[in-house]
Amino acid sequence: MTEAERIALFRSLLSLCGLSQSEAAEVLGRGYETTRQKAAGHKPIVDRDLEILRDLFLRIDRGDTDLEGRPAEQAEAIRWARGVSPTDTGDDT
C-alpha cells in the first residue's frame, strides 16, 4: 500500500468511526499533534494505527454496546438502521 493510500484509509477510518482528530489521538494513544500530522500526511501512518481503527470500526459495525462517545453513537445508529435497536423509536407514520 502506498503512503497516499494509507493516508486515505486512515482518514476514511476516522470518518467511519465518527472520530475527531482529538478523539482519534486518545483512541490511538498518541498526541493530538501527532494524529493531526498523520492525517495531513506529514507523519507516517503505522500498521498499528490502522489496526486499532479497523478494530474499532468492526466493533461499531457489530453494534457493540460497551462503546463510548461517538463510536457508541455510530453503533447505535447502525443497530437502529438494521432494526435491532433496543430503543423504541416510535411510529413516525
N, C-alpha and C. Protein backbone atom coordinates (compact mmCIF):
# COMPACT_ATOMS: atom_id res chain seq x y z
N MET A 1 0.84 -1.16 0.00
CA MET A 1 0.00 0.00 0.00
C MET A 1 0.89 1.24 0.00
N THR A 2 0.55 2.17 -0.85
CA THR A 2 1.34 3.41 -0.90
C THR A 2 1.01 4.29 0.31
N GLU A 3 1.86 5.27 0.54
CA GLU A 3 1.61 6.19 1.66
C GLU A 3 0.32 6.97 1.41
N ALA A 4 0.05 7.36 0.18
CA ALA A 4 -1.19 8.08 -0.13
C ALA A 4 -2.40 7.20 0.17
N GLU A 5 -2.31 5.93 -0.12
CA GLU A 5 -3.42 5.00 0.19
C GLU A 5 -3.59 4.85 1.70
N ARG A 6 -2.48 4.81 2.43
CA ARG A 6 -2.54 4.69 3.89
C ARG A 6 -3.20 5.94 4.50
N ILE A 7 -2.87 7.11 3.97
CA ILE A 7 -3.46 8.36 4.45
C ILE A 7 -4.96 8.35 4.18
N ALA A 8 -5.35 7.97 2.97
CA ALA A 8 -6.77 7.91 2.62
C ALA A 8 -7.51 6.91 3.51
N LEU A 9 -6.90 5.76 3.76
CA LEU A 9 -7.52 4.75 4.61
C LEU A 9 -7.64 5.27 6.05
N PHE A 10 -6.60 5.91 6.55
CA PHE A 10 -6.61 6.49 7.89
C PHE A 10 -7.75 7.49 8.03
N ARG A 11 -7.85 8.40 7.08
CA ARG A 11 -8.91 9.42 7.11
C ARG A 11 -10.29 8.79 7.01
N SER A 12 -10.42 7.79 6.15
CA SER A 12 -11.71 7.11 5.99
C SER A 12 -12.12 6.39 7.26
N LEU A 13 -11.17 5.73 7.90
CA LEU A 13 -11.48 5.03 9.15
C LEU A 13 -11.87 6.02 10.25
N LEU A 14 -11.20 7.17 10.31
CA LEU A 14 -11.59 8.20 11.28
C LEU A 14 -13.04 8.59 11.05
N SER A 15 -13.39 8.79 9.79
CA SER A 15 -14.75 9.19 9.45
C SER A 15 -15.76 8.08 9.77
N LEU A 16 -15.44 6.86 9.37
CA LEU A 16 -16.34 5.74 9.64
C LEU A 16 -16.57 5.51 11.13
N CYS A 17 -15.55 5.78 11.93
CA CYS A 17 -15.66 5.62 13.38
C CYS A 17 -16.29 6.84 14.04
N GLY A 18 -16.48 7.91 13.28
CA GLY A 18 -17.06 9.13 13.82
C GLY A 18 -16.14 9.88 14.76
N LEU A 19 -14.84 9.74 14.54
CA LEU A 19 -13.86 10.33 15.45
C LEU A 19 -13.31 11.65 14.93
N SER A 20 -13.20 12.62 15.81
CA SER A 20 -12.43 13.82 15.50
C SER A 20 -10.95 13.44 15.65
N GLN A 21 -10.07 14.32 15.24
CA GLN A 21 -8.65 14.02 15.38
C GLN A 21 -8.25 13.94 16.85
N SER A 22 -8.86 14.76 17.70
CA SER A 22 -8.52 14.68 19.13
C SER A 22 -9.04 13.38 19.74
N GLU A 23 -10.21 12.93 19.33
CA GLU A 23 -10.73 11.65 19.81
C GLU A 23 -9.88 10.50 19.30
N ALA A 24 -9.46 10.61 18.04
CA ALA A 24 -8.61 9.57 17.46
C ALA A 24 -7.28 9.49 18.20
N ALA A 25 -6.73 10.63 18.58
CA ALA A 25 -5.47 10.65 19.32
C ALA A 25 -5.62 9.85 20.62
N GLU A 26 -6.74 10.03 21.29
CA GLU A 26 -6.99 9.30 22.53
C GLU A 26 -7.11 7.80 22.27
N VAL A 27 -7.85 7.43 21.25
CA VAL A 27 -8.03 6.01 20.90
C VAL A 27 -6.70 5.37 20.52
N LEU A 28 -5.89 6.11 19.78
CA LEU A 28 -4.62 5.58 19.30
C LEU A 28 -3.51 5.64 20.36
N GLY A 29 -3.76 6.38 21.43
CA GLY A 29 -2.73 6.54 22.45
C GLY A 29 -1.60 7.43 21.97
N ARG A 30 -1.94 8.41 21.16
CA ARG A 30 -0.95 9.33 20.60
C ARG A 30 -1.38 10.76 20.93
N GLY A 31 -0.48 11.69 20.76
CA GLY A 31 -0.82 13.08 20.97
C GLY A 31 -1.66 13.62 19.83
N TYR A 32 -2.42 14.67 20.13
CA TYR A 32 -3.25 15.30 19.10
C TYR A 32 -2.42 15.75 17.91
N GLU A 33 -1.29 16.41 18.19
CA GLU A 33 -0.47 16.95 17.09
C GLU A 33 0.05 15.83 16.20
N THR A 34 0.45 14.72 16.79
CA THR A 34 0.92 13.57 16.01
C THR A 34 -0.20 13.04 15.13
N THR A 35 -1.39 12.91 15.69
CA THR A 35 -2.53 12.40 14.93
C THR A 35 -2.89 13.36 13.80
N ARG A 36 -2.87 14.64 14.09
CA ARG A 36 -3.17 15.64 13.06
C ARG A 36 -2.15 15.56 11.92
N GLN A 37 -0.88 15.39 12.28
CA GLN A 37 0.17 15.31 11.26
C GLN A 37 0.03 14.03 10.43
N LYS A 38 -0.39 12.95 11.06
CA LYS A 38 -0.61 11.71 10.31
C LYS A 38 -1.75 11.91 9.30
N ALA A 39 -2.85 12.51 9.76
CA ALA A 39 -4.00 12.73 8.87
C ALA A 39 -3.65 13.68 7.73
N ALA A 40 -2.71 14.59 7.97
CA ALA A 40 -2.28 15.54 6.94
C ALA A 40 -1.20 14.96 6.03
N GLY A 41 -0.71 13.76 6.37
CA GLY A 41 0.32 13.15 5.55
C GLY A 41 1.73 13.60 5.88
N HIS A 42 1.91 14.27 7.01
CA HIS A 42 3.24 14.76 7.39
C HIS A 42 4.02 13.79 8.27
N LYS A 43 3.33 12.80 8.81
CA LYS A 43 3.98 11.74 9.60
C LYS A 43 3.47 10.41 9.06
N PRO A 44 4.31 9.40 9.08
CA PRO A 44 3.88 8.10 8.54
C PRO A 44 2.81 7.45 9.43
N ILE A 45 1.90 6.78 8.78
CA ILE A 45 0.86 6.03 9.47
C ILE A 45 1.34 4.59 9.57
N VAL A 46 1.48 4.11 10.79
CA VAL A 46 2.00 2.76 11.00
C VAL A 46 0.84 1.76 11.03
N ASP A 47 1.19 0.50 10.83
CA ASP A 47 0.18 -0.56 10.81
C ASP A 47 -0.68 -0.54 12.07
N ARG A 48 -0.05 -0.30 13.22
CA ARG A 48 -0.78 -0.29 14.49
C ARG A 48 -1.92 0.73 14.46
N ASP A 49 -1.70 1.90 13.88
CA ASP A 49 -2.74 2.92 13.78
C ASP A 49 -3.95 2.37 13.01
N LEU A 50 -3.67 1.78 11.87
CA LEU A 50 -4.75 1.25 11.04
C LEU A 50 -5.45 0.08 11.70
N GLU A 51 -4.69 -0.77 12.39
CA GLU A 51 -5.28 -1.93 13.06
C GLU A 51 -6.22 -1.50 14.18
N ILE A 52 -5.82 -0.51 14.96
CA ILE A 52 -6.67 -0.03 16.06
C ILE A 52 -7.96 0.56 15.50
N LEU A 53 -7.85 1.38 14.47
CA LEU A 53 -9.04 1.98 13.88
C LEU A 53 -9.91 0.93 13.20
N ARG A 54 -9.30 -0.04 12.55
CA ARG A 54 -10.07 -1.13 11.93
C ARG A 54 -10.84 -1.90 12.99
N ASP A 55 -10.17 -2.24 14.07
CA ASP A 55 -10.82 -3.00 15.13
C ASP A 55 -11.98 -2.20 15.75
N LEU A 56 -11.78 -0.90 15.93
CA LEU A 56 -12.86 -0.06 16.46
C LEU A 56 -14.02 -0.03 15.48
N PHE A 57 -13.73 0.13 14.20
CA PHE A 57 -14.81 0.13 13.20
C PHE A 57 -15.58 -1.18 13.22
N LEU A 58 -14.88 -2.29 13.33
CA LEU A 58 -15.56 -3.59 13.35
C LEU A 58 -16.47 -3.71 14.58
N ARG A 59 -16.03 -3.17 15.72
CA ARG A 59 -16.87 -3.17 16.91
C ARG A 59 -18.10 -2.29 16.71
N ILE A 60 -17.91 -1.15 16.07
CA ILE A 60 -19.04 -0.26 15.77
C ILE A 60 -20.01 -0.98 14.84
N ASP A 61 -19.47 -1.59 13.79
CA ASP A 61 -20.30 -2.27 12.79
C ASP A 61 -21.08 -3.42 13.40
N ARG A 62 -20.49 -4.11 14.39
CA ARG A 62 -21.19 -5.20 15.09
C ARG A 62 -22.27 -4.67 16.02
N GLY A 63 -22.17 -3.39 16.34
CA GLY A 63 -23.13 -2.80 17.27
C GLY A 63 -22.81 -3.08 18.71
N ASP A 64 -21.52 -3.24 19.02
CA ASP A 64 -21.11 -3.48 20.41
C ASP A 64 -21.73 -2.42 21.31
N THR A 65 -22.19 -2.84 22.48
CA THR A 65 -22.88 -1.93 23.40
C THR A 65 -21.97 -1.34 24.47
N ASP A 66 -20.70 -1.72 24.48
CA ASP A 66 -19.79 -1.19 25.50
C ASP A 66 -18.89 -0.06 24.99
N LEU A 67 -19.26 0.54 23.88
CA LEU A 67 -18.50 1.66 23.33
C LEU A 67 -18.93 2.95 24.02
N GLU A 68 -18.11 3.99 23.90
CA GLU A 68 -18.41 5.28 24.49
C GLU A 68 -18.28 6.37 23.44
N GLY A 69 -18.91 7.52 23.69
CA GLY A 69 -18.77 8.68 22.84
C GLY A 69 -19.33 8.46 21.45
N ARG A 70 -18.69 9.07 20.49
CA ARG A 70 -19.17 8.99 19.10
C ARG A 70 -19.21 7.57 18.56
N PRO A 71 -18.21 6.72 18.87
CA PRO A 71 -18.33 5.34 18.40
C PRO A 71 -19.61 4.66 18.91
N ALA A 72 -20.02 4.95 20.15
CA ALA A 72 -21.27 4.40 20.68
C ALA A 72 -22.46 4.93 19.88
N GLU A 73 -22.42 6.21 19.53
CA GLU A 73 -23.49 6.80 18.73
C GLU A 73 -23.55 6.16 17.35
N GLN A 74 -22.38 5.93 16.75
CA GLN A 74 -22.33 5.28 15.45
C GLN A 74 -22.91 3.87 15.53
N ALA A 75 -22.53 3.12 16.56
CA ALA A 75 -23.03 1.75 16.74
C ALA A 75 -24.53 1.75 16.93
N GLU A 76 -25.05 2.70 17.71
CA GLU A 76 -26.50 2.80 17.93
C GLU A 76 -27.22 3.08 16.63
N ALA A 77 -26.66 3.97 15.83
CA ALA A 77 -27.28 4.28 14.53
C ALA A 77 -27.31 3.05 13.63
N ILE A 78 -26.24 2.28 13.65
CA ILE A 78 -26.19 1.06 12.84
C ILE A 78 -27.21 0.05 13.36
N ARG A 79 -27.28 -0.13 14.67
CA ARG A 79 -28.27 -1.06 15.24
C ARG A 79 -29.68 -0.62 14.85
N TRP A 80 -29.95 0.68 14.95
CA TRP A 80 -31.26 1.19 14.58
C TRP A 80 -31.56 0.93 13.10
N ALA A 81 -30.58 1.25 12.25
CA ALA A 81 -30.78 1.07 10.81
C ALA A 81 -31.03 -0.39 10.45
N ARG A 82 -30.44 -1.27 11.21
CA ARG A 82 -30.63 -2.71 10.96
C ARG A 82 -31.87 -3.26 11.66
N GLY A 83 -32.54 -2.41 12.42
CA GLY A 83 -33.76 -2.83 13.08
C GLY A 83 -33.54 -3.67 14.32
N VAL A 84 -32.36 -3.56 14.94
CA VAL A 84 -32.09 -4.35 16.13
C VAL A 84 -31.84 -3.47 17.35
N SER A 85 -32.25 -2.23 17.28
CA SER A 85 -32.05 -1.33 18.41
C SER A 85 -33.03 -1.65 19.52
N PRO A 86 -32.56 -1.67 20.76
CA PRO A 86 -33.48 -1.90 21.87
C PRO A 86 -34.34 -0.66 22.16
N THR A 87 -34.00 0.47 21.57
CA THR A 87 -34.70 1.71 21.82
C THR A 87 -35.95 1.76 20.96
N ASP A 88 -37.09 2.06 21.59
CA ASP A 88 -38.34 2.23 20.84
C ASP A 88 -38.34 3.61 20.22
N THR A 89 -38.28 3.66 18.90
CA THR A 89 -38.23 4.96 18.23
C THR A 89 -39.61 5.48 17.90
N GLY A 90 -40.65 4.69 18.16
CA GLY A 90 -42.00 5.11 17.88
C GLY A 90 -42.34 5.00 16.41
N ASP A 91 -43.57 5.25 16.12
CA ASP A 91 -44.05 5.15 14.74
C ASP A 91 -44.13 6.54 14.15
N ASP A 92 -43.35 6.80 13.11
CA ASP A 92 -43.30 8.12 12.50
C ASP A 92 -44.35 8.32 11.41
N THR A 93 -45.19 7.32 11.19
CA THR A 93 -46.18 7.46 10.11
C THR A 93 -47.43 8.13 10.56
